Amino acid sequence: MRSVLIGMGGGLLIAWAWMAVGTISSDAYGQRAAATPQHELGADGEHLLALSCVTSTNVQQIVLIDKQRRVLSVYHVESQSGAIALKSVRNCSGDMLMDEFNTSEPKPQEIRAVLEQR
């Protein structure tokens, strides 16, 4: 029982310290998946976004997004060994230029046509 209380106290202390230095995003967590907390990183705190979740295979997945360069990197961290593996890197600049890809009905073009009729 004593170790449980110590663990809870330590966890609360860490959470309080984290919030005190302002590293937790001020966005409402209830409006996005709980498994993807957002934290700003980097010297200027403006260009790097980190998203993290634990997969169904108990691997921590970390996604880093460089907002300036529009590059996405995905890493997996093994829970047992702590080994970090880079899984993929992608420049998303071209992706963002497409109007649609792999979409279902109604297509974006159809929605725009309906809105233009109003």
Protein backbone atom coordinates (compact mmCIF):
# COMPACT_ATOMS: atom_id res chain seq x y z
CA MET A 1 0.00 0.00 0.00
CA ARG A 2 2.83 2.37 0.85
CA SER A 3 4.50 1.81 -2.53
CA VAL A 4 1.21 2.50 -4.32
CA LEU A 5 0.84 5.83 -2.51
CA ILE A 6 4.45 6.75 -3.26
CA GLY A 7 3.93 5.88 -6.94
CA MET A 8 0.74 7.92 -7.13
CA GLY A 9 2.41 10.85 -5.40
CA GLY A 10 5.37 10.68 -7.77
CA GLY A 11 3.07 10.55 -10.78
CA LEU A 12 1.09 13.55 -9.56
CA LEU A 13 4.32 15.46 -8.91
CA ILE A 14 5.58 14.74 -12.44
CA ALA A 15 2.23 15.75 -13.97
CA TRP A 16 2.18 18.98 -11.94
CA ALA A 17 5.77 19.83 -12.94
CA TRP A 18 4.96 19.14 -16.59
CA MET A 19 1.98 21.47 -16.52
CA ALA A 20 3.91 24.11 -14.57
CA VAL A 21 6.48 24.50 -17.32
CA GLY A 22 3.75 24.71 -19.95
CA THR A 23 4.67 21.74 -22.14
CA ILE A 24 1.16 20.32 -22.25
CA SER A 25 -0.92 21.79 -25.06
CA SER A 26 -3.74 24.07 -23.98
CA ASP A 27 -6.12 22.46 -26.52
CA ALA A 28 -9.15 20.63 -25.16
CA TYR A 29 -8.12 16.98 -24.90
CA GLY A 30 -11.75 15.88 -24.99
CA GLN A 31 -11.96 16.90 -28.62
CA ARG A 32 -9.31 14.55 -29.99
CA ALA A 33 -8.19 10.97 -29.42
CA ALA A 34 -6.66 10.51 -25.96
CA ALA A 35 -3.85 8.45 -27.48
CA THR A 36 -2.47 11.42 -29.41
CA PRO A 37 -1.41 14.15 -26.99
CA GLN A 38 0.35 17.02 -28.71
CA HIS A 39 3.53 18.62 -27.43
CA GLU A 40 5.55 21.38 -29.06
CA LEU A 41 9.29 20.73 -29.21
CA GLY A 42 12.34 22.55 -30.45
CA ALA A 43 14.20 25.70 -29.51
CA ASP A 44 11.52 28.03 -30.82
CA GLY A 45 8.58 25.79 -29.87
CA GLU A 46 6.95 26.58 -33.19
CA HIS A 47 8.00 24.10 -35.85
CA LEU A 48 8.06 20.60 -34.36
CA LEU A 49 4.98 18.69 -33.23
CA ALA A 50 5.17 15.29 -31.49
CA LEU A 51 2.30 12.79 -31.29
CA SER A 52 2.59 9.57 -29.32
CA CYS A 53 0.48 6.47 -28.72
CA VAL A 54 0.92 2.83 -27.74
CA THR A 55 -0.06 0.40 -30.50
CA SER A 56 -1.97 -2.85 -30.06
CA THR A 57 1.37 -4.69 -30.21
CA ASN A 58 2.59 -2.70 -27.15
CA VAL A 59 5.01 -0.60 -29.19
CA GLN A 60 5.13 3.14 -28.56
CA GLN A 61 4.66 4.99 -31.83
CA ILE A 62 6.00 8.53 -32.04
CA VAL A 63 5.14 10.78 -34.97
CA LEU A 64 7.21 13.94 -35.42
CA ILE A 65 5.88 16.62 -37.75
CA ASP A 66 8.17 19.43 -38.89
CA LYS A 67 5.65 22.15 -39.71
CA GLN A 68 8.21 24.35 -41.48
CA ARG A 69 9.52 21.66 -43.84
CA ARG A 70 6.19 19.73 -43.97
CA VAL A 71 7.95 16.47 -43.20
CA LEU A 72 6.45 13.61 -41.19
CA SER A 73 8.62 10.98 -39.41
CA VAL A 74 7.35 7.84 -37.68
CA TYR A 75 9.34 5.99 -34.99
CA HIS A 76 8.62 2.83 -32.99
CA VAL A 77 10.03 2.34 -29.48
CA GLU A 78 10.12 -1.26 -28.20
CA SER A 79 8.71 -1.42 -24.66
CA GLN A 80 11.04 -4.22 -23.52
CA SER A 81 14.40 -3.04 -24.85
CA GLY A 82 13.78 0.66 -25.46
CA ALA A 83 15.19 0.25 -28.99
CA ILE A 84 14.11 3.03 -31.35
CA ALA A 85 13.43 2.27 -35.01
CA LEU A 86 12.71 4.83 -37.72
CA LYS A 87 9.77 3.42 -39.68
CA SER A 88 9.11 6.08 -42.31
CA VAL A 89 9.74 9.66 -43.39
CA ARG A 90 7.58 11.57 -45.85
CA ASN A 91 7.50 15.08 -47.22
CA CYS A 92 3.79 15.97 -47.22
CA SER A 93 4.03 19.12 -49.35
CA GLY A 94 2.79 17.35 -52.48
CA ASP A 95 0.07 15.53 -50.56
CA MET A 96 -1.44 18.82 -49.45
CA LEU A 97 -1.72 20.05 -53.05
CA MET A 98 -4.20 17.31 -54.03
CA ASP A 99 -7.91 18.09 -53.87
CA GLU A 100 -8.86 14.49 -53.19
CA PHE A 101 -7.38 11.02 -52.90
CA ASN A 102 -9.05 7.78 -51.82
CA THR A 103 -12.22 9.59 -50.76
CA SER A 104 -15.77 8.31 -50.53
CA GLU A 105 -19.07 9.88 -51.57
CA PRO A 106 -19.81 12.73 -51.53
CA LYS A 107 -16.62 13.86 -53.22
CA PRO A 108 -15.22 17.30 -52.27
CA GLN A 109 -16.09 18.55 -55.76
CA GLU A 110 -19.73 17.49 -55.29
CA ILE A 111 -19.95 19.27 -51.93
CA ARG A 112 -18.53 22.47 -53.44
CA ALA A 113 -21.08 22.28 -56.28
CA VAL A 114 -23.98 22.02 -53.81
CA LEU A 115 -22.64 24.92 -51.73
CA GLU A 116 -22.20 27.10 -54.82
CA GLN A 117 -25.89 26.60 -55.72
CA ARG A 118 -26.99 28.30 -52.47
